[in-house]
Amino acid sequence: MQEIKDAYLELALAIVKQAAEDIRAGPYGKRKGYYRTAMGFTRSYLFRLICDTCGVPPDLARKLMVERRD
């Protein structure tokens, strides 16, 4: 059972990582749609749930993701 939990956690972290990469790419150019989707994701219940599960405040995670873009 622990292996299944670990697999879901890895998937969740991969989703957050992809969102961070999309945010870092910025809101311009070919990937602007990805940026918008990623920013929306950071305001979602799923993002909050993943952050809470990992012990990271969602607001802090969102702030760091956006700051790294600059």
PDB file of N, CA and C in Angstrom:
ATOM      1  N   MET A   1       0.822  -1.205   0.000  1.00  0.00           N
ATOM      2  CA  MET A   1       0.000   0.000   0.000  1.00  0.00           C
ATOM      3  C   MET A   1       0.863   1.265   0.000  1.00  0.00           C
ATOM      4  N   GLN A   2       1.978   1.239   0.708  1.00  0.00           N
ATOM      5  CA  GLN A   2       2.862   2.400   0.757  1.00  0.00           C
ATOM      6  C   GLN A   2       3.408   2.730  -0.634  1.00  0.00           C
ATOM      7  N   GLU A   3       3.661   1.691  -1.437  1.00  0.00           N
ATOM      8  CA  GLU A   3       4.166   1.918  -2.792  1.00  0.00           C
ATOM      9  C   GLU A   3       3.162   2.704  -3.628  1.00  0.00           C
ATOM     10  N   ILE A   4       1.894   2.419  -3.434  1.00  0.00           N
ATOM     11  CA  ILE A   4       0.850   3.138  -4.169  1.00  0.00           C
ATOM     12  C   ILE A   4       0.815   4.595  -3.728  1.00  0.00           C
ATOM     13  N   LYS A   5       0.899   4.832  -2.419  1.00  0.00           N
ATOM     14  CA  LYS A   5       0.910   6.209  -1.915  1.00  0.00           C
ATOM     15  C   LYS A   5       2.110   6.967  -2.460  1.00  0.00           C
ATOM     16  N   ASP A   6       3.266   6.305  -2.473  1.00  0.00           N
ATOM     17  CA  ASP A   6       4.470   6.951  -2.994  1.00  0.00           C
ATOM     18  C   ASP A   6       4.320   7.291  -4.474  1.00  0.00           C
ATOM     19  N   ALA A   7       3.704   6.394  -5.230  1.00  0.00           N
ATOM     20  CA  ALA A   7       3.508   6.639  -6.663  1.00  0.00           C
ATOM     21  C   ALA A   7       2.591   7.840  -6.891  1.00  0.00           C
ATOM     22  N   TYR A   8       1.533   7.942  -6.100  1.00  0.00           N
ATOM     23  CA  TYR A   8       0.631   9.092  -6.230  1.00  0.00           C
ATOM     24  C   TYR A   8       1.332  10.386  -5.836  1.00  0.00           C
ATOM     25  N   LEU A   9       2.157  10.333  -4.808  1.00  0.00           N
ATOM     26  CA  LEU A   9       2.894  11.519  -4.389  1.00  0.00           C
ATOM     27  C   LEU A   9       3.880  11.939  -5.480  1.00  0.00           C
ATOM     28  N   GLU A  10       4.556  10.984  -6.083  1.00  0.00           N
ATOM     29  CA  GLU A  10       5.473  11.299  -7.183  1.00  0.00           C
ATOM     30  C   GLU A  10       4.729  11.953  -8.344  1.00  0.00           C
ATOM     31  N   LEU A  11       3.554  11.436  -8.665  1.00  0.00           N
ATOM     32  CA  LEU A  11       2.741  12.017  -9.735  1.00  0.00           C
ATOM     33  C   LEU A  11       2.341  13.448  -9.383  1.00  0.00           C
ATOM     34  N   ALA A  12       1.901  13.655  -8.158  1.00  0.00           N
ATOM     35  CA  ALA A  12       1.492  14.988  -7.715  1.00  0.00           C
ATOM     36  C   ALA A  12       2.654  15.969  -7.799  1.00  0.00           C
ATOM     37  N   LEU A  13       3.817  15.539  -7.362  1.00  0.00           N
ATOM     38  CA  LEU A  13       4.986  16.417  -7.406  1.00  0.00           C
ATOM     39  C   LEU A  13       5.413  16.702  -8.842  1.00  0.00           C
ATOM     40  N   ALA A  14       5.244  15.742  -9.729  1.00  0.00           N
ATOM     41  CA  ALA A  14       5.560  15.966 -11.142  1.00  0.00           C
ATOM     42  C   ALA A  14       4.623  17.016 -11.742  1.00  0.00           C
ATOM     43  N   ILE A  15       3.372  16.996 -11.330  1.00  0.00           N
ATOM     44  CA  ILE A  15       2.406  17.988 -11.812  1.00  0.00           C
ATOM     45  C   ILE A  15       2.804  19.381 -11.336  1.00  0.00           C
ATOM     46  N   VAL A  16       3.182  19.495 -10.070  1.00  0.00           N
ATOM     47  CA  VAL A  16       3.609  20.792  -9.528  1.00  0.00           C
ATOM     48  C   VAL A  16       4.887  21.258 -10.222  1.00  0.00           C
ATOM     49  N   LYS A  17       5.805  20.336 -10.453  1.00  0.00           N
ATOM     50  CA  LYS A  17       7.053  20.690 -11.139  1.00  0.00           C
ATOM     51  C   LYS A  17       6.767  21.224 -12.539  1.00  0.00           C
ATOM     52  N   GLN A  18       5.867  20.576 -13.266  1.00  0.00           N
ATOM     53  CA  GLN A  18       5.526  21.040 -14.613  1.00  0.00           C
ATOM     54  C   GLN A  18       4.878  22.418 -14.557  1.00  0.00           C
ATOM     55  N   ALA A  19       4.025  22.634 -13.576  1.00  0.00           N
ATOM     56  CA  ALA A  19       3.404  23.953 -13.419  1.00  0.00           C
ATOM     57  C   ALA A  19       4.468  25.012 -13.162  1.00  0.00           C
ATOM     58  N   ALA A  20       5.444  24.694 -12.320  1.00  0.00           N
ATOM     59  CA  ALA A  20       6.522  25.644 -12.030  1.00  0.00           C
ATOM     60  C   ALA A  20       7.309  25.967 -13.300  1.00  0.00           C
ATOM     61  N   GLU A  21       7.584  24.961 -14.108  1.00  0.00           N
ATOM     62  CA  GLU A  21       8.307  25.190 -15.362  1.00  0.00           C
ATOM     63  C   GLU A  21       7.488  26.052 -16.316  1.00  0.00           C
ATOM     64  N   ASP A  22       6.196  25.805 -16.373  1.00  0.00           N
ATOM     65  CA  ASP A  22       5.331  26.599 -17.248  1.00  0.00           C
ATOM     66  C   ASP A  22       5.247  28.048 -16.777  1.00  0.00           C
ATOM     67  N   ILE A  23       5.232  28.257 -15.480  1.00  0.00           N
ATOM     68  CA  ILE A  23       5.207  29.619 -14.942  1.00  0.00           C
ATOM     69  C   ILE A  23       6.530  30.315 -15.226  1.00  0.00           C
ATOM     70  N   ARG A  24       7.632  29.617 -15.057  1.00  0.00           N
ATOM     71  CA  ARG A  24       8.946  30.208 -15.335  1.00  0.00           C
ATOM     72  C   ARG A  24       9.080  30.623 -16.800  1.00  0.00           C
ATOM     73  N   ALA A  25       8.411  29.902 -17.690  1.00  0.00           N
ATOM     74  CA  ALA A  25       8.485  30.236 -19.117  1.00  0.00           C
ATOM     75  C   ALA A  25       7.836  31.589 -19.408  1.00  0.00           C
ATOM     76  N   GLY A  26       6.947  32.026 -18.530  1.00  0.00           N
ATOM     77  CA  GLY A  26       6.340  33.341 -18.671  1.00  0.00           C
ATOM     78  C   GLY A  26       5.072  33.355 -19.502  1.00  0.00           C
ATOM     79  N   PRO A  27       4.383  34.490 -19.471  1.00  0.00           N
ATOM     80  CA  PRO A  27       3.074  34.606 -20.127  1.00  0.00           C
ATOM     81  C   PRO A  27       3.138  35.024 -21.593  1.00  0.00           C
ATOM     82  N   TYR A  28       4.304  34.987 -22.188  1.00  0.00           N
ATOM     83  CA  TYR A  28       4.444  35.458 -23.567  1.00  0.00           C
ATOM     84  C   TYR A  28       4.887  34.327 -24.480  1.00  0.00           C
ATOM     85  N   GLY A  29       4.692  34.511 -25.741  1.00  0.00           N
ATOM     86  CA  GLY A  29       5.171  33.554 -26.728  1.00  0.00           C
ATOM     87  C   GLY A  29       4.263  32.354 -26.897  1.00  0.00           C
ATOM     88  N   LYS A  30       4.839  31.300 -27.441  1.00  0.00           N
ATOM     89  CA  LYS A  30       4.077  30.101 -27.784  1.00  0.00           C
ATOM     90  C   LYS A  30       3.486  29.400 -26.567  1.00  0.00           C
ATOM     91  N   ARG A  31       4.094  29.568 -25.408  1.00  0.00           N
ATOM     92  CA  ARG A  31       3.678  28.821 -24.223  1.00  0.00           C
ATOM     93  C   ARG A  31       2.780  29.625 -23.279  1.00  0.00           C
ATOM     94  N   LYS A  32       2.245  30.741 -23.743  1.00  0.00           N
ATOM     95  CA  LYS A  32       1.446  31.575 -22.844  1.00  0.00           C
ATOM     96  C   LYS A  32       0.213  30.853 -22.321  1.00  0.00           C
ATOM     97  N   GLY A  33      -0.345  29.958 -23.108  1.00  0.00           N
ATOM     98  CA  GLY A  33      -1.495  29.176 -22.648  1.00  0.00           C
ATOM     99  C   GLY A  33      -1.122  28.263 -21.493  1.00  0.00           C
ATOM    100  N   TYR A  34       0.084  27.696 -21.567  1.00  0.00           N
ATOM    101  CA  TYR A  34       0.564  26.846 -20.473  1.00  0.00           C
ATOM    102  C   TYR A  34       0.742  27.670 -19.197  1.00  0.00           C
ATOM    103  N   TYR A  35       1.249  28.881 -19.370  1.00  0.00           N
ATOM    104  CA  TYR A  35       1.431  29.775 -18.220  1.00  0.00           C
ATOM    105  C   TYR A  35       0.092  30.052 -17.544  1.00  0.00           C
ATOM    106  N   ARG A  36      -0.894  30.396 -18.337  1.00  0.00           N
ATOM    107  CA  ARG A  36      -2.218  30.707 -17.775  1.00  0.00           C
ATOM    108  C   ARG A  36      -2.812  29.496 -17.061  1.00  0.00           C
ATOM    109  N   THR A  37      -2.684  28.345 -17.677  1.00  0.00           N
ATOM    110  CA  THR A  37      -3.198  27.119 -17.065  1.00  0.00           C
ATOM    111  C   THR A  37      -2.472  26.826 -15.757  1.00  0.00           C
ATOM    112  N   ALA A  38      -1.159  26.999 -15.760  1.00  0.00           N
ATOM    113  CA  ALA A  38      -0.368  26.733 -14.554  1.00  0.00           C
ATOM    114  C   ALA A  38      -0.735  27.701 -13.432  1.00  0.00           C
ATOM    115  N   MET A  39      -0.929  28.969 -13.775  1.00  0.00           N
ATOM    116  CA  MET A  39      -1.318  29.937 -12.751  1.00  0.00           C
ATOM    117  C   MET A  39      -2.687  29.585 -12.179  1.00  0.00           C
ATOM    118  N   GLY A  40      -3.594  29.148 -13.034  1.00  0.00           N
ATOM    119  CA  GLY A  40      -4.904  28.706 -12.559  1.00  0.00           C
ATOM    120  C   GLY A  40      -4.780  27.501 -11.643  1.00  0.00           C
ATOM    121  N   PHE A  41      -3.891  26.588 -12.002  1.00  0.00           N
ATOM    122  CA  PHE A  41      -3.667  25.403 -11.179  1.00  0.00           C
ATOM    123  C   PHE A  41      -3.202  25.790  -9.779  1.00  0.00           C
ATOM    124  N   THR A  42      -2.355  26.821  -9.678  1.00  0.00           N
ATOM    125  CA  THR A  42      -1.847  27.212  -8.358  1.00  0.00           C
ATOM    126  C   THR A  42      -2.941  27.799  -7.465  1.00  0.00           C
ATOM    127  N   ARG A  43      -4.099  28.058  -8.038  1.00  0.00           N
ATOM    128  CA  ARG A  43      -5.232  28.558  -7.249  1.00  0.00           C
ATOM    129  C   ARG A  43      -6.278  27.471  -7.005  1.00  0.00           C
ATOM    130  N   SER A  44      -5.960  26.266  -7.416  1.00  0.00           N
ATOM    131  CA  SER A  44      -6.936  25.175  -7.335  1.00  0.00           C
ATOM    132  C   SER A  44      -6.876  24.430  -6.003  1.00  0.00           C
ATOM    133  N   TYR A  45      -7.952  23.705  -5.746  1.00  0.00           N
ATOM    134  CA  TYR A  45      -8.007  22.856  -4.556  1.00  0.00           C
ATOM    135  C   TYR A  45      -6.927  21.782  -4.615  1.00  0.00           C
ATOM    136  N   LEU A  46      -6.681  21.219  -5.791  1.00  0.00           N
ATOM    137  CA  LEU A  46      -5.674  20.164  -5.923  1.00  0.00           C
ATOM    138  C   LEU A  46      -4.291  20.680  -5.546  1.00  0.00           C
ATOM    139  N   PHE A  47      -3.948  21.880  -5.983  1.00  0.00           N
ATOM    140  CA  PHE A  47      -2.654  22.463  -5.623  1.00  0.00           C
ATOM    141  C   PHE A  47      -2.545  22.618  -4.110  1.00  0.00           C
ATOM    142  N   ARG A  48      -3.598  23.133  -3.486  1.00  0.00           N
ATOM    143  CA  ARG A  48      -3.592  23.284  -2.025  1.00  0.00           C
ATOM    144  C   ARG A  48      -3.446  21.932  -1.340  1.00  0.00           C
ATOM    145  N   LEU A  49      -4.140  20.936  -1.846  1.00  0.00           N
ATOM    146  CA  LEU A  49      -4.074  19.598  -1.272  1.00  0.00           C
ATOM    147  C   LEU A  49      -2.666  19.012  -1.383  1.00  0.00           C
ATOM    148  N   ILE A  50      -2.046  19.156  -2.542  1.00  0.00           N
ATOM    149  CA  ILE A  50      -0.681  18.656  -2.730  1.00  0.00           C
ATOM    150  C   ILE A  50       0.276  19.373  -1.790  1.00  0.00           C
ATOM    151  N   CYS A  51       0.170  20.680  -1.723  1.00  0.00           N
ATOM    152  CA  CYS A  51       1.047  21.448  -0.832  1.00  0.00           C
ATOM    153  C   CYS A  51       0.850  21.039   0.622  1.00  0.00           C
ATOM    154  N   ASP A  52      -0.394  20.918   1.039  1.00  0.00           N
ATOM    155  CA  ASP A  52      -0.677  20.513   2.418  1.00  0.00           C
ATOM    156  C   ASP A  52      -0.112  19.130   2.712  1.00  0.00           C
ATOM    157  N   THR A  53      -0.239  18.220   1.765  1.00  0.00           N
ATOM    158  CA  THR A  53       0.281  16.865   1.938  1.00  0.00           C
ATOM    159  C   THR A  53       1.796  16.880   2.106  1.00  0.00           C
ATOM    160  N   CYS A  54       2.454  17.797   1.408  1.00  0.00           N
ATOM    161  CA  CYS A  54       3.912  17.894   1.478  1.00  0.00           C
ATOM    162  C   CYS A  54       4.384  18.807   2.607  1.00  0.00           C
ATOM    163  N   GLY A  55       3.449  19.439   3.303  1.00  0.00           N
ATOM    164  CA  GLY A  55       3.813  20.316   4.413  1.00  0.00           C
ATOM    165  C   GLY A  55       4.313  21.680   3.980  1.00  0.00           C
ATOM    166  N   VAL A  56       3.901  22.110   2.792  1.00  0.00           N
ATOM    167  CA  VAL A  56       4.319  23.409   2.266  1.00  0.00           C
ATOM    168  C   VAL A  56       3.100  24.316   2.182  1.00  0.00           C
ATOM    169  N   PRO A  57       3.165  25.522   2.751  1.00  0.00           N
ATOM    170  CA  PRO A  57       2.037  26.442   2.630  1.00  0.00           C
ATOM    171  C   PRO A  57       1.785  26.790   1.154  1.00  0.00           C
ATOM    172  N   PRO A  58       0.562  26.596   0.668  1.00  0.00           N
ATOM    173  CA  PRO A  58       0.270  26.861  -0.751  1.00  0.00           C
ATOM    174  C   PRO A  58       0.602  28.283  -1.188  1.00  0.00           C
ATOM    175  N   ASP A  59       0.327  29.265  -0.338  1.00  0.00           N
ATOM    176  CA  ASP A  59       0.617  30.653  -0.707  1.00  0.00           C
ATOM    177  C   ASP A  59       2.113  30.869  -0.894  1.00  0.00           C
ATOM    178  N   LEU A  60       2.907  30.256  -0.032  1.00  0.00           N
ATOM    179  CA  LEU A  60       4.362  30.365  -0.152  1.00  0.00           C
ATOM    180  C   LEU A  60       4.843  29.676  -1.424  1.00  0.00           C
ATOM    181  N   ALA A  61       4.333  28.487  -1.697  1.00  0.00           N
ATOM    182  CA  ALA A  61       4.730  27.760  -2.909  1.00  0.00           C
ATOM    183  C   ALA A  61       4.397  28.578  -4.150  1.00  0.00           C
ATOM    184  N   ARG A  62       3.195  29.137  -4.186  1.00  0.00           N
ATOM    185  CA  ARG A  62       2.769  29.957  -5.328  1.00  0.00           C
ATOM    186  C   ARG A  62       3.684  31.165  -5.474  1.00  0.00           C
ATOM    187  N   LYS A  63       3.961  31.828  -4.368  1.00  0.00           N
ATOM    188  CA  LYS A  63       4.814  33.020  -4.393  1.00  0.00           C
ATOM    189  C   LYS A  63       6.202  32.686  -4.933  1.00  0.00           C
ATOM    190  N   LEU A  64       6.775  31.591  -4.455  1.00  0.00           N
ATOM    191  CA  LEU A  64       8.107  31.201  -4.912  1.00  0.00           C
ATOM    192  C   LEU A  64       8.112  30.832  -6.394  1.00  0.00           C
ATOM    193  N   MET A  65       7.056  30.177  -6.838  1.00  0.00           N
ATOM    194  CA  MET A  65       6.979  29.808  -8.254  1.00  0.00           C
ATOM    195  C   MET A  65       6.935  31.055  -9.132  1.00  0.00           C
ATOM    196  N   VAL A  66       6.189  32.057  -8.727  1.00  0.00           N
ATOM    197  CA  VAL A  66       6.066  33.286  -9.514  1.00  0.00           C
ATOM    198  C   VAL A  66       7.348  34.106  -9.430  1.00  0.00           C
ATOM    199  N   GLU A  67       7.955  34.182  -8.247  1.00  0.00           N
ATOM    200  CA  GLU A  67       9.194  34.952  -8.091  1.00  0.00           C
ATOM    201  C   GLU A  67      10.327  34.376  -8.926  1.00  0.00           C
ATOM    202  N   ARG A  68      10.379  33.089  -9.043  1.00  0.00           N
ATOM    203  CA  ARG A  68      11.447  32.445  -9.820  1.00  0.00           C
ATOM    204  C   ARG A  68      11.319  32.764 -11.301  1.00  0.00           C
ATOM    205  N   ARG A  69      10.138  33.192 -11.708  1.00  0.00           N
ATOM    206  CA  ARG A  69       9.929  33.549 -13.110  1.00  0.00           C
ATOM    207  C   ARG A  69      10.699  34.812 -13.452  1.00  0.00           C
ATOM    208  N   ASP A  70      10.803  35.715 -12.509  1.00  0.00           N
ATOM    209  CA  ASP A  70      11.437  37.019 -12.755  1.00  0.00           C
ATOM    210  C   ASP A  70      12.907  36.940 -12.782  1.00  0.00           C
TER     211      ASP A  70
END
